[in-house]
Amino acid sequence: MSTPKFDEGRLMQVLVAPIVSEKATMVAEKSNAVTFKVLQNATKPEIKAAVELLFKVEVKGVSVLNTKGKTKRFGKTMGRRDNVRKAYVLLKEGQELNLSGEAA
């Protein structure tokens, strides 16, 4: 199976931000996975290609999770948080990702 070709400009925009939380840190220590907030229409192959391009690491697999935005109260008015799409990126054995952009 050949690897699909993606537009490099699109891959630069797929990863929105790393998620740094207690749960994300525990997952990273336990299963060598890194968590990212990604675009709503990003696909698993795109996410894999973007991580490999930006951080120069080998990716074992990608799991994606859609989280619905909560309805919250902002003063008198009711508001709604944005929907979030998270990607759990599993790295191959011996690969490590520093969010400063360097691979070990």
C-alpha atoms as a PDB file:
ATOM      1  CA  MET A   1       0.000   0.000   0.000  1.00  0.00           C
ATOM      2  CA  SER A   2       1.502   3.356  -1.005  1.00  0.00           C
ATOM      3  CA  THR A   3       1.601   6.274   1.383  1.00  0.00           C
ATOM      4  CA  PRO A   4      -0.856   9.020   0.396  1.00  0.00           C
ATOM      5  CA  LYS A   5       0.534  12.450  -0.498  1.00  0.00           C
ATOM      6  CA  PHE A   6      -0.798  15.439   1.460  1.00  0.00           C
ATOM      7  CA  ASP A   7      -0.427  19.154   0.911  1.00  0.00           C
ATOM      8  CA  GLU A   8       2.330  20.375   3.227  1.00  0.00           C
ATOM      9  CA  GLY A   9       0.476  23.647   3.922  1.00  0.00           C
ATOM     10  CA  ARG A  10      -2.568  21.685   5.082  1.00  0.00           C
ATOM     11  CA  LEU A  11      -0.418  19.435   7.314  1.00  0.00           C
ATOM     12  CA  MET A  12       1.023  22.512   9.036  1.00  0.00           C
ATOM     13  CA  GLN A  13      -2.512  23.531  10.059  1.00  0.00           C
ATOM     14  CA  VAL A  14      -3.886  20.111  11.126  1.00  0.00           C
ATOM     15  CA  LEU A  15      -2.353  20.182  14.622  1.00  0.00           C
ATOM     16  CA  VAL A  16      -3.905  23.080  16.537  1.00  0.00           C
ATOM     17  CA  ALA A  17      -2.264  22.654  19.960  1.00  0.00           C
ATOM     18  CA  PRO A  18      -0.852  20.021  22.289  1.00  0.00           C
ATOM     19  CA  ILE A  19      -3.112  19.084  25.181  1.00  0.00           C
ATOM     20  CA  VAL A  20      -1.287  19.255  28.495  1.00  0.00           C
ATOM     21  CA  SER A  21      -3.487  17.909  31.277  1.00  0.00           C
ATOM     22  CA  GLU A  22      -3.266  15.357  34.038  1.00  0.00           C
ATOM     23  CA  LYS A  23      -4.955  12.685  31.904  1.00  0.00           C
ATOM     24  CA  ALA A  24      -2.806  13.428  28.846  1.00  0.00           C
ATOM     25  CA  THR A  25       0.362  13.202  30.948  1.00  0.00           C
ATOM     26  CA  MET A  26      -0.693   9.855  32.440  1.00  0.00           C
ATOM     27  CA  VAL A  27      -1.432   8.471  28.946  1.00  0.00           C
ATOM     28  CA  ALA A  28       1.949   9.719  27.706  1.00  0.00           C
ATOM     29  CA  GLU A  29       3.836   7.978  30.521  1.00  0.00           C
ATOM     30  CA  LYS A  30       1.820   4.767  30.302  1.00  0.00           C
ATOM     31  CA  SER A  31       1.605   4.112  26.560  1.00  0.00           C
ATOM     32  CA  ASN A  32       4.076   6.492  24.867  1.00  0.00           C
ATOM     33  CA  ALA A  33       1.234   8.560  23.356  1.00  0.00           C
ATOM     34  CA  VAL A  34       0.974  12.307  22.819  1.00  0.00           C
ATOM     35  CA  THR A  35      -2.348  14.188  22.794  1.00  0.00           C
ATOM     36  CA  PHE A  36      -3.146  16.995  20.349  1.00  0.00           C
ATOM     37  CA  LYS A  37      -6.114  19.232  19.643  1.00  0.00           C
ATOM     38  CA  VAL A  38      -6.712  18.948  15.883  1.00  0.00           C
ATOM     39  CA  LEU A  39      -8.967  20.448  13.212  1.00  0.00           C
ATOM     40  CA  GLN A  40     -12.564  19.172  13.143  1.00  0.00           C
ATOM     41  CA  ASN A  41     -12.192  17.744   9.630  1.00  0.00           C
ATOM     42  CA  ALA A  42      -8.718  16.206  10.098  1.00  0.00           C
ATOM     43  CA  THR A  43      -8.377  12.528   9.208  1.00  0.00           C
ATOM     44  CA  LYS A  44      -6.186   9.924  10.908  1.00  0.00           C
ATOM     45  CA  PRO A  45      -3.721   9.640   7.974  1.00  0.00           C
ATOM     46  CA  GLU A  46      -3.419  13.450   7.882  1.00  0.00           C
ATOM     47  CA  ILE A  47      -2.716  13.616  11.613  1.00  0.00           C
ATOM     48  CA  LYS A  48      -0.096  10.872  11.324  1.00  0.00           C
ATOM     49  CA  ALA A  49       1.612  12.627   8.414  1.00  0.00           C
ATOM     50  CA  ALA A  50       1.530  15.991  10.219  1.00  0.00           C
ATOM     51  CA  VAL A  51       3.164  14.609  13.392  1.00  0.00           C
ATOM     52  CA  GLU A  52       5.842  12.793  11.376  1.00  0.00           C
ATOM     53  CA  LEU A  53       6.541  15.937   9.331  1.00  0.00           C
ATOM     54  CA  LEU A  54       6.653  18.428  12.200  1.00  0.00           C
ATOM     55  CA  PHE A  55       8.411  16.386  14.897  1.00  0.00           C
ATOM     56  CA  LYS A  56      10.484  13.904  12.822  1.00  0.00           C
ATOM     57  CA  VAL A  57       9.237  10.827  14.723  1.00  0.00           C
ATOM     58  CA  GLU A  58       7.673   7.516  13.652  1.00  0.00           C
ATOM     59  CA  VAL A  59       3.981   7.087  14.481  1.00  0.00           C
ATOM     60  CA  LYS A  60       2.528   3.676  15.337  1.00  0.00           C
ATOM     61  CA  GLY A  61      -1.134   4.691  15.318  1.00  0.00           C
ATOM     62  CA  VAL A  62      -3.679   7.460  15.811  1.00  0.00           C
ATOM     63  CA  SER A  63      -6.909   7.430  17.819  1.00  0.00           C
ATOM     64  CA  VAL A  64      -9.392  10.269  17.451  1.00  0.00           C
ATOM     65  CA  LEU A  65     -12.007  11.511  19.912  1.00  0.00           C
ATOM     66  CA  ASN A  66     -14.742  14.106  19.364  1.00  0.00           C
ATOM     67  CA  THR A  67     -15.843  16.001  22.488  1.00  0.00           C
ATOM     68  CA  LYS A  68     -19.066  18.023  22.407  1.00  0.00           C
ATOM     69  CA  GLY A  69     -18.867  21.557  23.801  1.00  0.00           C
ATOM     70  CA  LYS A  70     -20.573  22.142  27.126  1.00  0.00           C
ATOM     71  CA  THR A  71     -23.378  24.633  27.577  1.00  0.00           C
ATOM     72  CA  LYS A  72     -22.158  27.139  30.141  1.00  0.00           C
ATOM     73  CA  ARG A  73     -23.501  30.280  31.732  1.00  0.00           C
ATOM     74  CA  PHE A  74     -21.612  33.524  31.120  1.00  0.00           C
ATOM     75  CA  GLY A  75     -23.243  36.049  33.441  1.00  0.00           C
ATOM     76  CA  LYS A  76     -26.893  36.350  32.444  1.00  0.00           C
ATOM     77  CA  THR A  77     -26.536  34.727  29.049  1.00  0.00           C
ATOM     78  CA  MET A  78     -26.130  31.082  28.204  1.00  0.00           C
ATOM     79  CA  GLY A  79     -23.152  30.266  26.042  1.00  0.00           C
ATOM     80  CA  ARG A  80     -21.600  27.199  24.536  1.00  0.00           C
ATOM     81  CA  ARG A  81     -18.000  26.046  24.421  1.00  0.00           C
ATOM     82  CA  ASP A  82     -16.555  24.898  21.120  1.00  0.00           C
ATOM     83  CA  ASN A  83     -16.545  21.256  20.076  1.00  0.00           C
ATOM     84  CA  VAL A  84     -13.058  19.754  20.330  1.00  0.00           C
ATOM     85  CA  ARG A  85     -11.440  16.955  18.322  1.00  0.00           C
ATOM     86  CA  LYS A  86      -8.558  15.260  20.139  1.00  0.00           C
ATOM     87  CA  ALA A  87      -5.976  12.951  18.639  1.00  0.00           C
ATOM     88  CA  TYR A  88      -4.020  10.426  20.708  1.00  0.00           C
ATOM     89  CA  VAL A  89      -0.855   9.724  18.703  1.00  0.00           C
ATOM     90  CA  LEU A  90       0.974   6.495  19.656  1.00  0.00           C
ATOM     91  CA  LEU A  91       4.689   6.630  18.946  1.00  0.00           C
ATOM     92  CA  LYS A  92       6.781   3.603  18.004  1.00  0.00           C
ATOM     93  CA  GLU A  93       9.139   2.018  20.529  1.00  0.00           C
ATOM     94  CA  GLY A  94      12.204   4.130  21.234  1.00  0.00           C
ATOM     95  CA  GLN A  95      10.589   7.286  19.845  1.00  0.00           C
ATOM     96  CA  GLU A  96      10.118  10.298  22.088  1.00  0.00           C
ATOM     97  CA  LEU A  97       8.490  13.637  21.394  1.00  0.00           C
ATOM     98  CA  ASN A  98       9.476  16.866  23.115  1.00  0.00           C
ATOM     99  CA  LEU A  99       6.925  19.577  22.423  1.00  0.00           C
ATOM    100  CA  SER A 100       9.805  21.999  21.857  1.00  0.00           C
ATOM    101  CA  GLY A 101      10.090  20.383  18.410  1.00  0.00           C
ATOM    102  CA  GLU A 102      13.059  18.066  18.967  1.00  0.00           C
ATOM    103  CA  ALA A 103      12.919  14.292  18.659  1.00  0.00           C
ATOM    104  CA  ALA A 104      15.162  12.030  20.711  1.00  0.00           C
END
